[in-house]
Protein backbone atom coordinates (compact mmCIF):
# COMPACT_ATOMS: atom_id res chain seq x y z
CA MET A 1 89.58 115.70 93.64
CA ARG A 2 92.85 114.52 92.18
CA HIS A 3 95.86 116.33 93.60
CA VAL A 4 99.61 116.23 93.89
CA ILE A 5 100.80 114.43 97.01
CA PRO A 6 102.08 116.99 99.58
CA ILE A 7 105.81 116.92 100.24
CA TRP A 8 105.37 115.78 103.85
CA THR A 9 103.49 112.73 102.58
CA VAL A 10 105.85 111.77 99.79
CA LEU A 11 108.91 111.85 102.03
CA ILE A 12 107.68 108.53 103.44
CA PHE A 13 107.07 107.43 99.87
CA VAL A 14 110.68 108.10 98.83
CA LEU A 15 112.38 106.76 101.94
CA GLY A 16 110.54 103.49 101.44
CA GLY A 17 112.20 102.96 98.08
CA CYS A 18 109.19 104.60 96.41
CA ASN A 19 106.75 102.08 97.81
CA TYR A 20 103.43 103.20 99.20
CA PRO A 21 102.81 102.30 102.85
CA GLY A 22 102.10 98.61 103.17
CA ASP A 23 104.64 97.39 100.62
CA ALA A 24 105.32 93.77 101.39
CA PRO A 25 108.47 91.78 100.60
CA SER A 26 108.39 90.10 97.22
CA PRO A 27 106.61 86.76 97.47
CA ALA A 28 108.42 83.66 96.44
CA GLY A 29 107.43 82.68 92.92
CA GLU A 30 107.11 79.22 91.50
CA SER A 31 110.00 80.00 89.13
CA PRO A 32 113.58 80.68 90.27
CA VAL A 33 113.36 84.47 90.41
CA ALA A 34 116.06 86.57 92.06
CA VAL A 35 114.92 89.70 93.88
CA THR A 36 117.34 92.46 94.81
CA ASP A 37 117.28 93.17 98.56
CA GLU A 38 116.31 96.85 98.66
CA SER A 39 116.72 97.03 102.46
CA SER A 40 120.46 97.40 101.91
CA PRO A 41 121.78 100.71 100.54
CA ALA A 42 124.10 98.78 98.24
CA VAL A 43 122.73 97.84 94.83
CA ASP A 44 123.50 94.30 93.73
CA LEU A 45 124.28 94.41 90.00
CA SER A 46 125.74 90.92 89.81
CA PRO A 47 124.15 88.38 87.43
CA GLN A 48 120.92 86.93 88.82
CA PRO A 49 119.02 83.71 88.11
CA ALA A 50 116.57 84.29 85.28
CA VAL A 51 112.92 83.47 84.79
CA THR A 52 112.78 81.10 81.84
CA GLY A 53 110.07 79.23 80.05
CA GLU A 54 110.10 76.12 77.91
CA LEU A 55 111.24 77.54 74.63
CA LEU A 56 109.71 76.88 71.25
CA PRO A 57 111.90 76.55 68.12
CA THR A 58 114.59 79.18 68.47
CA PRO A 59 114.71 81.99 65.91
CA THR A 60 118.03 83.52 65.01
CA TRP A 61 118.76 86.58 67.12
CA THR A 62 121.21 88.77 65.27
CA GLN A 63 121.79 92.48 65.19
CA PRO A 64 119.39 93.85 62.55
CA PRO A 65 121.17 95.42 59.58
CA GLU A 66 120.78 99.11 58.95
CA GLU A 67 117.55 99.49 57.04
CA GLU A 68 117.18 101.17 53.71
CA SER A 69 114.74 103.96 53.14
CA ALA A 70 111.20 102.63 52.94
CA PRO A 71 109.64 102.60 49.45
CA ALA A 72 106.72 104.82 48.68
CA GLY A 73 103.34 103.54 49.86
CA GLU A 74 100.39 102.54 47.72
CA ALA A 75 98.23 105.53 48.48
CA THR A 76 98.99 108.96 47.06
CA VAL A 77 97.55 111.56 49.39
CA SER A 78 97.91 115.27 48.86
CA ALA A 79 98.88 117.29 51.92
CA PRO A 80 96.52 120.05 52.98
CA THR A 81 97.47 123.56 53.84
CA ALA A 82 97.95 123.21 57.59
CA SER A 83 96.56 125.86 59.86
CA PRO A 84 97.56 126.63 63.46
CA SER A 85 94.00 125.98 64.63
CA PRO A 86 91.05 124.09 63.12
CA ASP A 87 88.80 126.98 64.11
CA SER A 88 90.87 129.79 62.55
CA GLY A 89 91.39 131.34 65.95
CA THR A 90 87.68 131.92 66.64
CA ALA A 91 87.24 129.32 69.41
CA PRO A 92 89.00 129.64 72.78
CA HIS A 93 91.92 127.27 73.17
CA LEU A 94 92.88 125.17 76.16
CA ARG A 95 93.92 127.50 78.94
CA PRO A 96 97.70 127.45 79.63
CA LEU A 97 98.89 125.83 82.82
CA THR A 98 100.04 128.07 85.67
CA SER A 99 103.79 128.72 85.68
CA GLY A 100 105.61 127.83 88.87
CA ASP A 101 102.90 125.42 90.07
CA GLU A 102 103.23 121.66 90.32
CA VAL A 103 101.90 119.56 87.47
CA ILE A 104 100.42 116.04 87.57
CA LEU A 105 101.93 113.82 84.86
CA SER A 106 99.78 111.03 83.45
CA ARG A 107 102.14 109.89 80.64
CA ILE A 108 105.82 110.38 80.00
CA ALA A 109 108.13 109.68 77.03
CA MET A 110 111.75 110.56 77.68
CA ILE A 111 114.03 110.86 74.65
CA ASP A 112 117.39 111.16 76.44
CA HIS A 113 118.74 112.08 79.87
CA SER A 114 117.45 115.64 79.69
CA THR A 115 114.79 115.85 76.97
CA GLY A 116 111.33 114.35 77.00
CA TRP A 117 107.60 114.73 76.47
CA GLY A 118 104.71 114.38 78.86
CA ILE A 119 100.94 114.58 79.11
CA GLY A 120 99.64 116.18 82.28
CA HIS A 121 97.32 118.60 83.99
CA GLN A 122 96.83 120.78 87.06
CA SER A 123 93.89 120.15 89.40
CA GLN A 124 90.94 119.26 87.12
CA SER A 125 92.24 121.02 84.01
CA ASP A 126 92.23 119.50 80.53
CA ASP A 127 95.24 117.48 79.45
CA HIS A 128 98.23 119.48 78.21
CA ILE A 129 101.29 118.50 76.18
CA LEU A 130 104.51 119.12 78.10
CA TYR A 131 108.22 119.26 77.25
CA THR A 132 111.23 119.01 79.56
CA ARG A 133 114.86 119.96 78.95
CA ASP A 134 116.20 119.18 82.43
CA GLY A 135 115.29 115.56 83.02
CA GLY A 136 111.77 116.11 84.30
CA GLN A 137 112.30 118.76 86.97
CA THR A 138 110.57 121.54 85.00
CA TRP A 139 108.15 121.33 82.09
CA SER A 140 107.16 123.79 79.37
CA ASP A 141 103.52 123.87 78.27
CA VAL A 142 103.66 123.22 74.50
CA THR A 143 100.00 122.29 74.05
CA PRO A 144 98.61 122.71 70.52
CA PRO A 145 95.74 125.21 70.06
CA GLU A 146 93.06 122.61 70.75
CA PRO A 147 89.62 124.20 71.28
CA SER A 148 88.46 124.23 74.90
CA PRO A 149 85.40 122.21 75.91
CA GLN A 150 82.18 124.16 75.69
CA GLN A 151 80.10 124.79 78.78
CA GLY A 152 78.69 121.51 80.07
CA GLU A 153 81.14 119.36 78.09
CA PRO A 154 83.58 116.98 79.84
CA ARG A 155 87.27 117.81 80.19
CA LYS A 156 89.54 116.86 77.31
CA VAL A 157 92.17 114.14 77.48
CA ALA A 158 95.08 113.56 75.10
CA TRP A 159 96.87 110.66 73.42
CA GLY A 160 100.29 111.21 71.90
CA TYR A 161 103.04 109.53 69.94
CA PHE A 162 106.47 111.07 70.60
CA ALA A 163 108.97 109.87 68.01
CA ASP A 164 111.98 111.98 69.01
CA ALA A 165 112.87 115.37 70.46
CA GLN A 166 111.23 117.22 67.55
CA ASN A 167 108.40 115.10 66.14
CA ALA A 168 105.13 114.24 67.86
CA TRP A 169 101.46 113.61 67.07
CA VAL A 170 98.52 114.25 69.41
CA ILE A 171 94.77 113.67 69.35
CA TYR A 172 92.18 114.81 71.88
CA ALA A 173 88.94 113.20 73.05
CA TYR A 174 86.56 113.80 75.93
CA ALA A 175 87.09 112.13 79.31
CA GLU A 176 83.55 110.76 78.96
CA TRP A 177 83.89 108.44 75.96
CA ARG A 178 80.23 108.63 74.96
CA VAL A 179 80.61 112.30 74.05
CA VAL A 180 81.90 112.14 70.47
CA PRO A 181 83.97 115.16 69.37
CA PRO A 182 82.29 116.94 66.44
CA SER A 183 85.45 117.39 64.34
CA PRO A 184 88.38 115.33 65.64
CA ARG A 185 91.78 116.16 64.19
CA VAL A 186 95.38 115.10 64.69
CA TRP A 187 97.96 117.68 65.69
CA ALA A 188 101.56 117.32 64.44
CA THR A 189 104.78 119.13 65.34
CA ASN A 190 108.30 118.88 63.93
CA ASP A 191 109.95 121.49 66.15
CA GLY A 192 109.50 120.13 69.65
CA GLY A 193 106.06 121.65 70.15
CA LEU A 194 106.96 125.25 69.30
CA SER A 195 104.36 125.10 66.53
CA TRP A 196 101.63 122.65 65.58
CA GLN A 197 99.75 121.82 62.39
CA ALA A 198 96.20 120.45 62.41
CA SER A 199 95.19 117.68 60.03
CA GLY A 200 91.91 117.67 58.17
CA GLU A 201 88.92 116.28 60.06
CA LEU A 202 88.94 112.53 60.56
CA ASP A 203 86.29 110.83 58.45
CA LEU A 204 83.88 109.25 60.94
CA THR A 205 81.04 106.92 60.02
CA GLY A 206 78.23 108.71 61.82
CA GLN A 207 77.52 105.53 63.84
CA GLU A 208 79.88 106.24 66.74
CA GLU A 209 78.51 105.24 70.16
CA PHE A 210 81.64 106.65 71.80
CA PHE A 211 85.11 107.86 70.82
CA ARG A 212 88.23 106.51 72.55
CA PRO A 213 91.60 106.47 70.79
CA GLU A 214 93.68 103.34 71.38
CA GLY A 215 96.89 104.92 70.09
CA PHE A 216 99.25 105.71 67.23
CA SER A 217 102.03 103.83 65.50
CA PHE A 218 104.70 105.55 63.39
CA PRO A 219 107.51 103.36 62.00
CA ASP A 220 108.92 106.47 60.30
CA LEU A 221 108.09 110.17 60.16
CA GLU A 222 105.80 109.92 57.14
CA HIS A 223 103.75 106.75 57.68
CA GLY A 224 101.48 106.41 60.68
CA TRP A 225 98.32 104.68 61.89
CA LEU A 226 95.66 105.60 64.46
CA LEU A 227 93.22 103.10 66.02
CA ILE A 228 90.01 104.40 67.63
CA HIS A 229 87.27 102.49 69.49
CA ILE A 230 83.77 103.71 68.58
CA GLY A 231 81.39 101.01 69.85
CA GLY A 232 80.99 97.49 71.17
CA GLY A 233 78.65 94.60 71.87
CA MET A 234 78.17 90.87 71.29
CA HIS A 235 81.94 90.27 71.62
CA HIS A 236 82.73 92.96 69.07
CA ASP A 237 85.01 95.96 69.37
CA TYR A 238 83.84 98.34 66.66
CA SER A 239 86.90 100.31 65.63
CA LEU A 240 88.24 102.74 63.06
CA LEU A 241 91.75 102.52 61.63
CA PHE A 242 93.26 105.55 59.90
CA ARG A 243 96.54 105.86 57.99
CA THR A 244 98.67 108.84 57.03
CA SER A 245 101.36 108.82 54.36
CA ASP A 246 102.31 112.48 54.63
CA GLY A 247 103.41 112.84 58.23
CA GLY A 248 99.92 113.43 59.64
CA GLY A 249 98.54 116.10 57.32
CA THR A 250 95.81 113.83 55.99
CA TRP A 251 94.36 110.60 57.36
CA GLU A 252 92.67 107.93 55.25
CA ARG A 253 90.07 105.66 56.87
CA LEU A 254 91.07 102.06 56.09
CA VAL A 255 88.91 100.02 58.48
CA ASP A 256 85.46 100.65 59.96
CA PRO A 257 82.53 98.58 61.31
CA PHE A 258 81.14 98.16 57.79
CA LYS A 259 84.11 95.85 57.12
CA THR A 260 84.94 92.63 58.97
CA SER A 261 88.59 93.36 59.71
CA LEU A 262 89.47 94.07 63.37
CA GLN A 263 85.83 94.24 64.52
CA SER A 264 85.56 90.87 66.28
CA LEU A 265 86.69 90.65 69.93
CA GLY A 266 88.80 93.28 71.67
CA ASN A 267 91.55 95.38 70.10
CA THR A 268 94.20 96.11 72.72
CA GLY A 269 96.93 97.90 70.74
CA LEU A 270 98.69 98.25 67.40
CA ALA A 271 102.24 98.50 66.06
CA PHE A 272 103.68 98.70 62.54
CA ALA A 273 107.16 97.48 61.64
CA ASP A 274 107.21 99.45 58.37
CA GLU A 275 104.77 100.97 55.90
CA LYS A 276 103.34 97.53 55.01
CA VAL A 277 103.53 95.19 58.01
CA GLY A 278 101.39 95.88 61.05
CA TRP A 279 99.90 93.95 63.97
CA VAL A 280 96.94 94.51 66.28
CA THR A 281 96.87 92.65 69.59
CA LYS A 282 93.59 91.11 70.74
CA ASP A 283 91.53 90.09 73.77
CA ASN A 284 89.69 86.81 73.13
CA MET A 285 87.14 87.75 75.84
CA GLY A 286 86.98 84.12 76.99
CA VAL A 287 84.92 83.04 73.98
CA MET A 288 87.72 81.97 71.61
CA PHE A 289 90.45 79.38 72.06
CA GLY A 290 93.99 80.59 72.44
CA ALA A 291 95.89 83.87 72.35
CA PHE A 292 96.10 85.59 69.00
CA TRP A 293 96.84 88.76 67.09
CA GLU A 294 95.81 90.12 63.70
CA HIS A 295 98.37 91.09 61.08
CA SER A 296 98.35 93.08 57.85
CA GLU A 297 100.80 92.89 54.97
CA ASP A 298 99.31 95.72 52.90
CA GLY A 299 99.56 98.75 55.14
CA GLY A 300 96.42 98.06 57.15
CA ARG A 301 93.73 97.50 54.53
CA ASN A 302 93.32 93.77 55.11
CA TRP A 303 93.88 91.73 58.24
CA GLU A 304 94.25 88.04 59.14
CA SER A 305 94.38 86.26 62.51
CA SER A 306 97.38 84.28 63.78
CA PHE A 307 97.61 82.25 66.99
CA LEU A 308 100.49 81.91 69.39
CA PRO A 309 101.69 78.39 70.27
CA ALA A 310 100.33 77.27 73.62
CA PRO A 311 102.52 76.69 76.67
CA PRO A 312 102.28 73.17 78.12
CA GLU A 313 100.06 74.17 81.07
CA LEU A 314 97.31 75.54 78.78
CA ASP A 315 95.23 73.54 76.34
CA TRP A 316 94.23 76.23 73.86
CA MET A 317 92.58 73.78 71.50
CA GLU A 318 90.22 72.11 73.97
CA GLU A 319 89.42 74.61 76.72
CA PRO A 320 88.55 78.30 76.38
CA ASN A 321 90.77 80.59 78.41
CA ALA A 322 90.38 84.33 78.83
CA CYS A 323 93.64 85.38 77.17
CA ARG A 324 94.72 88.74 75.81
CA THR A 325 97.78 89.78 73.88
CA GLU A 326 98.85 93.35 74.60
CA ASP A 327 101.59 95.99 74.59
CA LEU A 328 103.26 94.80 71.41
CA HIS A 329 106.66 96.29 70.61
CA PHE A 330 108.62 95.91 67.38
CA THR A 331 112.09 96.09 68.86
CA SER A 332 113.56 96.12 65.34
CA ALA A 333 112.23 95.56 61.85
CA HIS A 334 112.02 91.80 62.48
CA THR A 335 112.08 91.30 66.26
CA ALA A 336 109.03 91.84 68.46
CA ALA A 337 107.77 91.17 71.97
CA LEU A 338 104.30 91.15 73.51
CA ILE A 339 102.55 90.29 76.77
CA VAL A 340 100.05 87.46 77.14
CA ASN A 341 97.84 87.56 80.23
CA CYS A 342 95.43 84.65 80.74
CA ARG A 343 92.75 83.65 83.25
CA THR A 344 91.84 79.99 83.49
CA PHE A 345 89.02 78.22 85.33
CA GLU A 346 89.86 74.81 86.74
CA GLU A 347 87.37 73.11 89.05
CA GLU A 348 85.72 76.49 89.70
CA GLU A 349 89.06 77.99 90.71
CA GLU A 350 90.41 80.94 88.76
CA ARG A 351 94.12 81.10 87.94
CA SER A 352 96.10 83.95 86.36
CA LEU A 353 99.07 83.28 84.09
CA THR A 354 101.47 85.77 82.48
CA TYR A 355 103.91 85.22 79.62
CA ILE A 356 106.23 87.33 77.49
CA TYR A 357 106.37 86.04 73.91
CA VAL A 358 109.20 87.09 71.60
CA THR A 359 109.90 86.50 67.91
CA GLY A 360 113.00 87.07 65.80
CA ASP A 361 111.32 86.60 62.41
CA ARG A 362 108.11 88.63 62.45
CA GLY A 363 105.99 85.94 64.04
CA GLN A 364 107.06 82.84 62.13
CA ASN A 365 108.52 81.35 65.31
CA TRP A 366 107.98 82.27 68.93
CA GLN A 367 109.66 81.78 72.28
CA TYR A 368 108.23 82.64 75.65
CA ALA A 369 109.07 83.12 79.31
CA LYS A 370 106.52 82.53 82.05
CA LEU A 371 106.46 85.19 84.77
CA PRO A 372 105.26 84.48 88.33
CA SER A 373 103.27 87.74 88.49
CA PRO A 374 101.29 89.84 86.02
CA VAL A 375 102.80 92.76 84.11
CA ASP A 376 101.11 95.57 82.24
CA GLU A 377 103.72 97.15 79.98
CA LEU A 378 106.95 96.51 78.10
CA ASP A 379 109.65 99.11 77.54
CA PHE A 380 112.64 98.35 75.28
CA ILE A 381 115.59 100.65 74.60
CA ASP A 382 116.97 98.33 71.90
CA TYR A 383 116.19 94.88 70.55
CA GLN A 384 117.79 93.14 73.54
CA THR A 385 117.39 95.37 76.61
CA GLY A 386 113.97 95.96 78.13
CA TRP A 387 111.67 95.92 81.14
CA ALA A 388 108.34 94.24 81.90
CA THR A 389 106.52 96.28 84.51
CA GLY A 390 103.68 95.81 86.94
CA ARG A 391 103.78 95.75 90.74
CA ASP A 392 106.81 93.52 90.10
CA ILE A 393 109.49 94.90 87.77
CA TYR A 394 111.49 92.55 85.54
CA THR A 395 114.38 93.22 83.16
CA THR A 396 115.87 91.37 80.19
CA THR A 397 119.18 91.68 78.36
CA ASP A 398 118.60 88.95 75.76
CA GLY A 399 115.58 90.23 73.87
CA GLY A 400 113.00 88.77 76.23
CA LEU A 401 114.19 85.15 76.26
CA SER A 402 114.78 85.40 80.03
CA TRP A 403 113.79 87.89 82.71
CA VAL A 404 115.17 88.91 86.10
CA LYS A 405 112.89 90.23 88.82
CA ILE A 406 114.56 93.32 90.31
CA LYS A 407 111.93 95.12 92.35
CA THR A 408 108.47 94.93 93.93
CA VAL A 409 106.59 98.19 94.39
CA ASN A 410 103.18 99.09 95.73
CA TRP A 411 102.21 101.52 92.98
CA ASP A 412 101.13 101.32 89.37
CA GLY A 413 103.54 102.87 86.92
CA GLN A 414 103.99 104.03 83.36
CA PHE A 415 107.70 103.74 82.64
CA SER A 416 110.17 105.35 80.23
CA PHE A 417 113.83 104.24 80.11
CA VAL A 418 116.55 105.87 77.99
CA ASP A 419 119.43 103.50 78.78
CA SER A 420 120.14 100.42 80.89
CA GLN A 421 120.29 102.46 84.11
CA THR A 422 118.22 105.63 83.67
CA GLY A 423 114.45 105.72 83.61
CA TRP A 424 111.37 107.59 84.81
CA ALA A 425 107.91 106.45 85.90
CA VAL A 426 104.57 108.08 86.53
CA ALA A 427 103.76 106.31 89.82
CA SER A 428 100.10 106.29 90.86
CA ASN A 429 98.06 104.81 93.68
CA GLU A 430 94.31 105.37 93.52
CA GLU A 431 93.93 109.15 93.07
CA ASP A 432 97.54 110.22 93.75
CA ALA A 433 100.33 110.44 91.18
CA VAL A 434 103.99 111.44 91.36
CA LEU A 435 106.98 111.41 89.02
CA VAL A 436 109.92 109.23 90.04
CA LYS A 437 113.34 108.47 88.56
CA THR A 438 115.83 105.61 88.74
CA GLU A 439 119.55 105.64 88.00
CA ASN A 440 120.21 101.95 88.66
CA GLY A 441 117.93 100.20 86.20
CA GLY A 442 114.78 100.27 88.33
CA ARG A 443 116.11 98.91 91.61
CA THR A 444 115.48 102.13 93.55
CA TRP A 445 113.42 105.21 92.72
CA ALA A 446 113.72 108.86 93.80
CA LEU A 447 110.97 111.47 93.82
CA LEU A 448 110.87 114.43 91.44
CA GLU A 449 108.61 117.44 91.97
CA PRO A 450 107.75 118.61 88.45
CA VAL A 451 106.58 122.20 87.97
CA ILE A 452 105.58 124.29 84.97
CA SER A 453 108.47 126.49 83.91
CA ASP A 454 108.24 130.24 83.32
CA GLU A 455 109.52 129.88 79.73
């Protein structure tokens, strides 16, 4: 059973700099990486040597100009009359979480120093949507009126996109992916979760083997996309792509397995820069040369593949390598960063390689930095300042052209920073999870004990 770590256990966790027992000193990497010595109470904020790669032709990195309002999209979609519940109040909704009790966070999205969103649960409850106004100490249960699972059905889990303190979108699925929800809908709020509106039912194909959302992308409050995995086999990832042009009231199905777009090899994430330009990152599954992504210039209807330039230690044109692009972030309308993780096989020996690729011109030119250890996620607060996070935590102040290693931890984390110093992480190790906070850019972490508020 998953549970919150007791306070007598997590005291060791906090005093160790938020490392689980057994944290080892950071190993020496093959690149000149500086690691802050966390054994000293003083925090070294002086400039550190950076991890750098051999750079490809340099794009121009300038502050993006203030963007004009996006033009109207191609599709004209009428908004439905939104209802508070897709079942008109006849079906029981997800049971509220217990006030005063601890809550287990699985995802967090902080907006500023005090306000943020979370997804979490208590014991084995369904996922709930949470809202904090005090920096993560207490959380209000603002879950939409999603119908509860019927007897014998798996628990429900949630995916969300949290644009700001007021606007969010949420979809639910079952924890067992092969149980397809009968009438999936997207919930939207524009008042911080005080009220929710349900979209019309998503138009499925009837051929779904399972139902697992990959995630949302909203470049503005009206235009959004939702990618859902519904099947797989023979190096295919059968997926659905939906688009809304009215803030989530209605969703148009653009891509499905009856079309060729996005169906070959693995889809690992999506991001749109505006209402026209979008990218989907891909896993080549070891059967295609190189690392690549697919891009659309027409709002997601049509997609084409593009390949990243290879670093010198990989021959992407002659030898297949298991490479995946993932966790793409448009850090402005024209700048973007993504992770490339590769596994190579040389003389029956497997080798793992990790790179951060960045572009200043929407993928026309790329630069990269090679990291000495794998990372799972990127988190940028602007187009220059960000973090690459795994068991080793790196930071950049030049848009991803160079990275400094600042911390090694012995937990897996999902991170959310709001400025160069302040951030939160859902820290997990096997079946335990806690919420931690940093006020020095990720160099040290302190434990929070989140509870459901009485509001």
